[in-house]
Each structure stands twice: as structure tokens, then as C-alpha cells.
Amino acid sequence: MHQHFLLYKPAGYISQFIYEKKRNKKKLGNLFDFPEGTMAIGRLDENSEGLLMLTTDGKVSEKIRGAHYEKQYIVQVDGVITNEAIDKLKKGVEIGVKGERLITKECFAALIDKPNFIGEGYRIRSDRHGPTSWLTITLTQGKFRQVRKMTAAVGFPTLRLIRVRIGNWYLEGLKVGEVVEIKL
């Protein structure tokens, strides 16, 4: 019988169970005693945080990584973002992925107030370095470091990235590092 989990991945952890390079990294297995064969469904880079789904079923992993499941992010960017930059994000911007250039698919993007349920996270920099803005971005594709590349492409680099939703599963209500088993 397969098992499925939701995890509030903290920043500073990689979305893997095995890391064979020489550097010592914090892995998902340090957070919970997952059953053998558990895999992350998609990834969040080491500096990103938020909702991560895990499963022991490869077919479920493939299905949820697909375009039928929206992924929503809360993003803190450097500077006061413009409406023009947000419009560009919505329409698609050119980014590089594995040495190729591609235009991202249309997405939802909007300026928001910082949500109270995401906590402080780790401090990226102090406020004396200038203003920041908070956005929500919802994608149906997930290329390597896509959100970070998108915000940089419009001139507002990402400072903090939190995935808050995958399909109908939400981060809100989970504590940082908390794992909850779910039924599919």
C-alpha cells in the first residue's frame, strides 16, 4: 500500500534523500522517518521553502508534476515591483533552462501583502537595503528554478520563495518541518 505525505520544507534543505557529492547537505530524511522508496514530487531548491508532496508511488508523482496541477508560490522580490513587470510575468518571459531559451507559459501573478501564515523564515537581508514586494504566482509548469528566473527576467530578483499550494493541497496550517500523511 502506497503512502503520501505533505511537508512544510524549511529553507536550507535539499528536496532529496540521497546526495552523493562531497558537501554535507540537509536532506528530507533528516526531517521525518519516511518509508523506504519515498520520493519528492517535484522539487524546491535548497533556499526555497514551503509545500512539498512526497509519495512511494511513482505514477502519482508523475501525475502531480504534470500541468493539470497548479503550483502557487508566494514570492518576496527585491524592490517595489511595477505593474508592467507583473504584466510581463503573466504573459510569459524568456528564461534559460539547461542551456536553452524558452518563454514561460502564461500564469497568474499579482501583488499581495505578506501572508501571516508563512512566518519570518530566515533573514535574507535587513530592511536598510531597500524596499521589497510580495507577489503570488501560480504556474502550470515547473522548470528548474523557474520562478526565480522569471522575477529576475523582469528586473526584480527573488529574495524568498515559498510554495503555498499544489492542486488542492495547501501549506497553510502546517508548521515549518511538519509532515502530515494524506490519503489520495
C-alpha atoms as a PDB file:
ATOM      1  CA  MET A   1       0.000   0.000   0.000  1.00  0.00           C
ATOM      2  CA  HIS A   2       1.470   3.338  -1.075  1.00  0.00           C
ATOM      3  CA  GLN A   3       1.839   6.287   1.291  1.00  0.00           C
ATOM      4  CA  HIS A   4       1.629  10.009   0.542  1.00  0.00           C
ATOM      5  CA  PHE A   5       2.786  12.987   2.607  1.00  0.00           C
ATOM      6  CA  LEU A   6       2.686  16.784   2.785  1.00  0.00           C
ATOM      7  CA  LEU A   7       5.760  18.527   4.182  1.00  0.00           C
ATOM      8  CA  TYR A   8       6.479  22.154   5.021  1.00  0.00           C
ATOM      9  CA  LYS A   9      10.044  22.067   3.701  1.00  0.00           C
ATOM     10  CA  PRO A  10      12.261  24.532   5.553  1.00  0.00           C
ATOM     11  CA  ALA A  11      14.803  26.640   3.682  1.00  0.00           C
ATOM     12  CA  GLY A  12      18.264  25.095   3.903  1.00  0.00           C
ATOM     13  CA  TYR A  13      17.174  21.547   2.984  1.00  0.00           C
ATOM     14  CA  ILE A  14      17.503  19.886  -0.405  1.00  0.00           C
ATOM     15  CA  SER A  15      14.489  18.025  -1.852  1.00  0.00           C
ATOM     16  CA  GLN A  16      16.352  14.711  -1.887  1.00  0.00           C
ATOM     17  CA  PHE A  17      17.037  11.720   0.327  1.00  0.00           C
ATOM     18  CA  ILE A  18      20.439  10.873  -1.175  1.00  0.00           C
ATOM     19  CA  TYR A  19      23.153  13.392  -2.026  1.00  0.00           C
ATOM     20  CA  GLU A  20      26.379  11.845  -3.192  1.00  0.00           C
ATOM     21  CA  LYS A  21      28.519  14.939  -3.697  1.00  0.00           C
ATOM     22  CA  LYS A  22      31.127  15.633  -1.046  1.00  0.00           C
ATOM     23  CA  ARG A  23      29.399  18.618   0.551  1.00  0.00           C
ATOM     24  CA  ASN A  24      27.263  17.867   3.580  1.00  0.00           C
ATOM     25  CA  LYS A  25      23.650  18.892   2.879  1.00  0.00           C
ATOM     26  CA  LYS A  26      20.490  18.682   4.975  1.00  0.00           C
ATOM     27  CA  LYS A  27      18.196  16.124   3.306  1.00  0.00           C
ATOM     28  CA  LEU A  28      14.483  15.348   3.661  1.00  0.00           C
ATOM     29  CA  GLY A  29      15.226  12.175   5.625  1.00  0.00           C
ATOM     30  CA  ASN A  30      16.568  14.382   8.438  1.00  0.00           C
ATOM     31  CA  LEU A  31      13.039  15.741   8.998  1.00  0.00           C
ATOM     32  CA  PHE A  32      10.959  12.551   9.308  1.00  0.00           C
ATOM     33  CA  ASP A  33      11.281   8.770   9.219  1.00  0.00           C
ATOM     34  CA  PHE A  34       9.782   8.300   5.743  1.00  0.00           C
ATOM     35  CA  PRO A  35       9.125   4.752   4.477  1.00  0.00           C
ATOM     36  CA  GLU A  36      11.646   3.220   2.095  1.00  0.00           C
ATOM     37  CA  GLY A  37      11.078   4.259  -1.512  1.00  0.00           C
ATOM     38  CA  THR A  38       9.622   7.671  -0.658  1.00  0.00           C
ATOM     39  CA  MET A  39      10.305  10.345  -3.287  1.00  0.00           C
ATOM     40  CA  ALA A  40       9.630  14.056  -3.512  1.00  0.00           C
ATOM     41  CA  ILE A  41       7.008  15.050  -6.097  1.00  0.00           C
ATOM     42  CA  GLY A  42       8.842  17.866  -7.832  1.00  0.00           C
ATOM     43  CA  ARG A  43      11.437  19.879  -6.020  1.00  0.00           C
ATOM     44  CA  LEU A  44      12.072  23.065  -4.137  1.00  0.00           C
ATOM     45  CA  ASP A  45      15.659  24.317  -4.301  1.00  0.00           C
ATOM     46  CA  GLU A  46      17.747  24.482  -1.157  1.00  0.00           C
ATOM     47  CA  ASN A  47      16.930  28.152  -0.472  1.00  0.00           C
ATOM     48  CA  SER A  48      13.197  27.769  -1.138  1.00  0.00           C
ATOM     49  CA  GLU A  49      10.620  26.633   1.367  1.00  0.00           C
ATOM     50  CA  GLY A  50       7.025  25.563   1.534  1.00  0.00           C
ATOM     51  CA  LEU A  51       4.730  22.784   0.460  1.00  0.00           C
ATOM     52  CA  LEU A  52       6.376  19.625  -0.809  1.00  0.00           C
ATOM     53  CA  MET A  53       4.464  16.444  -1.560  1.00  0.00           C
ATOM     54  CA  LEU A  54       6.097  13.054  -1.160  1.00  0.00           C
ATOM     55  CA  THR A  55       4.940   9.599  -2.199  1.00  0.00           C
ATOM     56  CA  THR A  56       6.021   5.997  -2.513  1.00  0.00           C
ATOM     57  CA  ASP A  57       4.099   5.756  -5.828  1.00  0.00           C
ATOM     58  CA  GLY A  58       5.973   6.848  -8.980  1.00  0.00           C
ATOM     59  CA  LYS A  59       2.735   7.073 -11.011  1.00  0.00           C
ATOM     60  CA  VAL A  60       1.262   9.558  -8.527  1.00  0.00           C
ATOM     61  CA  SER A  61       4.492  11.560  -8.659  1.00  0.00           C
ATOM     62  CA  GLU A  62       4.371  11.777 -12.454  1.00  0.00           C
ATOM     63  CA  LYS A  63       0.691  12.779 -12.456  1.00  0.00           C
ATOM     64  CA  ILE A  64       1.044  15.580  -9.878  1.00  0.00           C
ATOM     65  CA  ARG A  65       4.153  17.028 -11.555  1.00  0.00           C
ATOM     66  CA  GLY A  66       2.068  17.499 -14.710  1.00  0.00           C
ATOM     67  CA  ALA A  67       0.336  20.635 -15.956  1.00  0.00           C
ATOM     68  CA  HIS A  68      -3.086  19.595 -14.561  1.00  0.00           C
ATOM     69  CA  TYR A  69      -1.947  20.573 -11.059  1.00  0.00           C
ATOM     70  CA  GLU A  70      -1.379  24.265 -10.405  1.00  0.00           C
ATOM     71  CA  LYS A  71       1.515  25.243  -8.165  1.00  0.00           C
ATOM     72  CA  GLN A  72       1.120  28.527  -6.271  1.00  0.00           C
ATOM     73  CA  TYR A  73       4.031  30.469  -4.813  1.00  0.00           C
ATOM     74  CA  ILE A  74       4.432  33.466  -2.536  1.00  0.00           C
ATOM     75  CA  VAL A  75       7.495  35.427  -3.617  1.00  0.00           C
ATOM     76  CA  GLN A  76       9.370  38.265  -1.940  1.00  0.00           C
ATOM     77  CA  VAL A  77      11.282  40.260  -4.544  1.00  0.00           C
ATOM     78  CA  ASP A  78      13.921  42.963  -4.309  1.00  0.00           C
ATOM     79  CA  GLY A  79      12.452  46.426  -4.931  1.00  0.00           C
ATOM     80  CA  VAL A  80       8.989  47.863  -5.476  1.00  0.00           C
ATOM     81  CA  ILE A  81       7.706  45.803  -8.400  1.00  0.00           C
ATOM     82  CA  THR A  82       5.874  47.622 -11.174  1.00  0.00           C
ATOM     83  CA  ASN A  83       2.547  46.761 -12.807  1.00  0.00           C
ATOM     84  CA  GLU A  84       4.480  46.475 -16.085  1.00  0.00           C
ATOM     85  CA  ALA A  85       6.749  43.785 -14.601  1.00  0.00           C
ATOM     86  CA  ILE A  86       3.735  41.883 -13.227  1.00  0.00           C
ATOM     87  CA  ASP A  87       2.058  42.022 -16.667  1.00  0.00           C
ATOM     88  CA  LYS A  88       5.217  40.589 -18.251  1.00  0.00           C
ATOM     89  CA  LEU A  89       5.233  37.731 -15.725  1.00  0.00           C
ATOM     90  CA  LYS A  90       1.585  36.959 -16.573  1.00  0.00           C
ATOM     91  CA  LYS A  91       2.209  36.849 -20.330  1.00  0.00           C
ATOM     92  CA  GLY A  92       5.417  34.816 -20.135  1.00  0.00           C
ATOM     93  CA  VAL A  93       9.073  35.794 -20.076  1.00  0.00           C
ATOM     94  CA  GLU A  94      12.174  34.335 -21.645  1.00  0.00           C
ATOM     95  CA  ILE A  95      14.344  32.254 -19.313  1.00  0.00           C
ATOM     96  CA  GLY A  96      17.217  29.841 -19.751  1.00  0.00           C
ATOM     97  CA  VAL A  97      16.784  26.153 -18.908  1.00  0.00           C
ATOM     98  CA  LYS A  98      19.593  23.628 -19.483  1.00  0.00           C
ATOM     99  CA  GLY A  99      21.325  25.892 -21.989  1.00  0.00           C
ATOM    100  CA  GLU A 100      18.142  26.552 -23.995  1.00  0.00           C
ATOM    101  CA  ARG A 101      15.991  29.683 -24.095  1.00  0.00           C
ATOM    102  CA  LEU A 102      12.252  29.313 -23.578  1.00  0.00           C
ATOM    103  CA  ILE A 103       9.221  31.512 -23.000  1.00  0.00           C
ATOM    104  CA  THR A 104       7.310  30.595 -19.859  1.00  0.00           C
ATOM    105  CA  LYS A 105       3.619  29.763 -20.178  1.00  0.00           C
ATOM    106  CA  GLU A 106       1.029  32.360 -19.233  1.00  0.00           C
ATOM    107  CA  CYS A 107       0.423  32.369 -15.498  1.00  0.00           C
ATOM    108  CA  PHE A 108      -1.387  34.205 -12.741  1.00  0.00           C
ATOM    109  CA  ALA A 109       0.672  36.878 -10.937  1.00  0.00           C
ATOM    110  CA  ALA A 110      -0.421  39.622  -8.544  1.00  0.00           C
ATOM    111  CA  LEU A 111       0.954  41.965  -5.898  1.00  0.00           C
ATOM    112  CA  ILE A 112      -0.101  40.946  -2.358  1.00  0.00           C
ATOM    113  CA  ASP A 113       0.549  41.781   1.271  1.00  0.00           C
ATOM    114  CA  LYS A 114       2.848  39.335   3.063  1.00  0.00           C
ATOM    115  CA  PRO A 115       0.655  36.476   4.331  1.00  0.00           C
ATOM    116  CA  ASN A 116       0.786  35.962   8.092  1.00  0.00           C
ATOM    117  CA  PHE A 117       0.929  32.148   7.884  1.00  0.00           C
ATOM    118  CA  ILE A 118       4.404  31.885   6.327  1.00  0.00           C
ATOM    119  CA  GLY A 119       6.335  33.186   9.327  1.00  0.00           C
ATOM    120  CA  GLU A 120       9.583  35.106   9.185  1.00  0.00           C
ATOM    121  CA  GLY A 121      11.751  32.489   7.507  1.00  0.00           C
ATOM    122  CA  TYR A 122      15.469  33.060   7.618  1.00  0.00           C
ATOM    123  CA  ARG A 123      16.566  36.650   7.281  1.00  0.00           C
ATOM    124  CA  ILE A 124      17.817  37.319   3.770  1.00  0.00           C
ATOM    125  CA  ARG A 125      18.851  40.899   4.439  1.00  0.00           C
ATOM    126  CA  SER A 126      17.847  43.843   6.590  1.00  0.00           C
ATOM    127  CA  ASP A 127      15.292  46.460   5.591  1.00  0.00           C
ATOM    128  CA  ARG A 128      18.030  49.088   5.323  1.00  0.00           C
ATOM    129  CA  HIS A 129      18.979  47.566   1.948  1.00  0.00           C
ATOM    130  CA  GLY A 130      15.796  48.918   0.421  1.00  0.00           C
ATOM    131  CA  PRO A 131      12.152  48.012  -0.076  1.00  0.00           C
ATOM    132  CA  THR A 132      10.770  44.654  -1.127  1.00  0.00           C
ATOM    133  CA  SER A 133       7.485  43.495  -2.655  1.00  0.00           C
ATOM    134  CA  TRP A 134       5.389  40.349  -2.173  1.00  0.00           C
ATOM    135  CA  LEU A 135       3.718  38.542  -5.087  1.00  0.00           C
ATOM    136  CA  THR A 136       1.675  35.466  -5.668  1.00  0.00           C
ATOM    137  CA  ILE A 137       2.490  33.468  -8.808  1.00  0.00           C
ATOM    138  CA  THR A 138       0.549  30.396  -9.956  1.00  0.00           C
ATOM    139  CA  LEU A 139       2.113  28.128 -12.582  1.00  0.00           C
ATOM    140  CA  THR A 140       1.104  25.026 -14.502  1.00  0.00           C
ATOM    141  CA  GLN A 141       4.694  24.233 -15.486  1.00  0.00           C
ATOM    142  CA  GLY A 142       7.782  23.767 -13.363  1.00  0.00           C
ATOM    143  CA  LYS A 143      11.143  24.283 -14.979  1.00  0.00           C
ATOM    144  CA  PHE A 144      14.399  24.362 -12.997  1.00  0.00           C
ATOM    145  CA  ARG A 145      14.318  27.448 -10.698  1.00  0.00           C
ATOM    146  CA  GLN A 146      11.550  28.885 -12.898  1.00  0.00           C
ATOM    147  CA  VAL A 147      10.030  31.434 -10.504  1.00  0.00           C
ATOM    148  CA  ARG A 148      13.450  32.820  -9.553  1.00  0.00           C
ATOM    149  CA  LYS A 149      14.403  33.109 -13.235  1.00  0.00           C
ATOM    150  CA  MET A 150      11.068  34.764 -14.099  1.00  0.00           C
ATOM    151  CA  THR A 151      11.319  37.501 -11.465  1.00  0.00           C
ATOM    152  CA  ALA A 152      14.959  38.161 -12.368  1.00  0.00           C
ATOM    153  CA  ALA A 153      13.973  38.423 -16.057  1.00  0.00           C
ATOM    154  CA  VAL A 154      11.664  41.350 -15.231  1.00  0.00           C
ATOM    155  CA  GLY A 155      14.276  43.061 -13.052  1.00  0.00           C
ATOM    156  CA  PHE A 156      13.117  42.032  -9.565  1.00  0.00           C
ATOM    157  CA  PRO A 157      15.245  39.182  -8.172  1.00  0.00           C
ATOM    158  CA  THR A 158      13.613  36.736  -5.762  1.00  0.00           C
ATOM    159  CA  LEU A 159      14.686  37.055  -2.136  1.00  0.00           C
ATOM    160  CA  ARG A 160      12.325  34.490  -0.610  1.00  0.00           C
ATOM    161  CA  LEU A 161      10.259  31.796  -2.313  1.00  0.00           C
ATOM    162  CA  ILE A 162       7.505  29.783  -0.612  1.00  0.00           C
ATOM    163  CA  ARG A 163       5.283  27.243  -2.390  1.00  0.00           C
ATOM    164  CA  VAL A 164       1.861  27.503  -0.741  1.00  0.00           C
ATOM    165  CA  ARG A 165      -0.317  25.241  -2.900  1.00  0.00           C
ATOM    166  CA  ILE A 166      -0.134  22.181  -5.145  1.00  0.00           C
ATOM    167  CA  GLY A 167      -3.523  21.487  -6.749  1.00  0.00           C
ATOM    168  CA  ASN A 168      -5.989  21.368  -3.832  1.00  0.00           C
ATOM    169  CA  TRP A 169      -3.356  20.836  -1.109  1.00  0.00           C
ATOM    170  CA  TYR A 170      -2.320  23.905   0.918  1.00  0.00           C
ATOM    171  CA  LEU A 171       0.620  24.891   3.104  1.00  0.00           C
ATOM    172  CA  GLU A 172      -1.496  26.950   5.490  1.00  0.00           C
ATOM    173  CA  GLY A 173      -1.943  25.126   8.793  1.00  0.00           C
ATOM    174  CA  LEU A 174       1.415  23.313   8.630  1.00  0.00           C
ATOM    175  CA  LYS A 175       4.370  24.318  10.787  1.00  0.00           C
ATOM    176  CA  VAL A 176       7.884  24.537   9.349  1.00  0.00           C
ATOM    177  CA  GLY A 177       9.314  20.995   9.162  1.00  0.00           C
ATOM    178  CA  GLU A 178       5.936  19.352   9.865  1.00  0.00           C
ATOM    179  CA  VAL A 179       4.968  16.211   7.932  1.00  0.00           C
ATOM    180  CA  VAL A 180       1.370  15.010   7.548  1.00  0.00           C
ATOM    181  CA  GLU A 181       0.330  11.735   5.938  1.00  0.00           C
ATOM    182  CA  ILE A 182      -2.554  12.140   3.474  1.00  0.00           C
ATOM    183  CA  LYS A 183      -4.872   9.846   1.549  1.00  0.00           C
ATOM    184  CA  LEU A 184      -5.265  10.260  -2.217  1.00  0.00           C
END
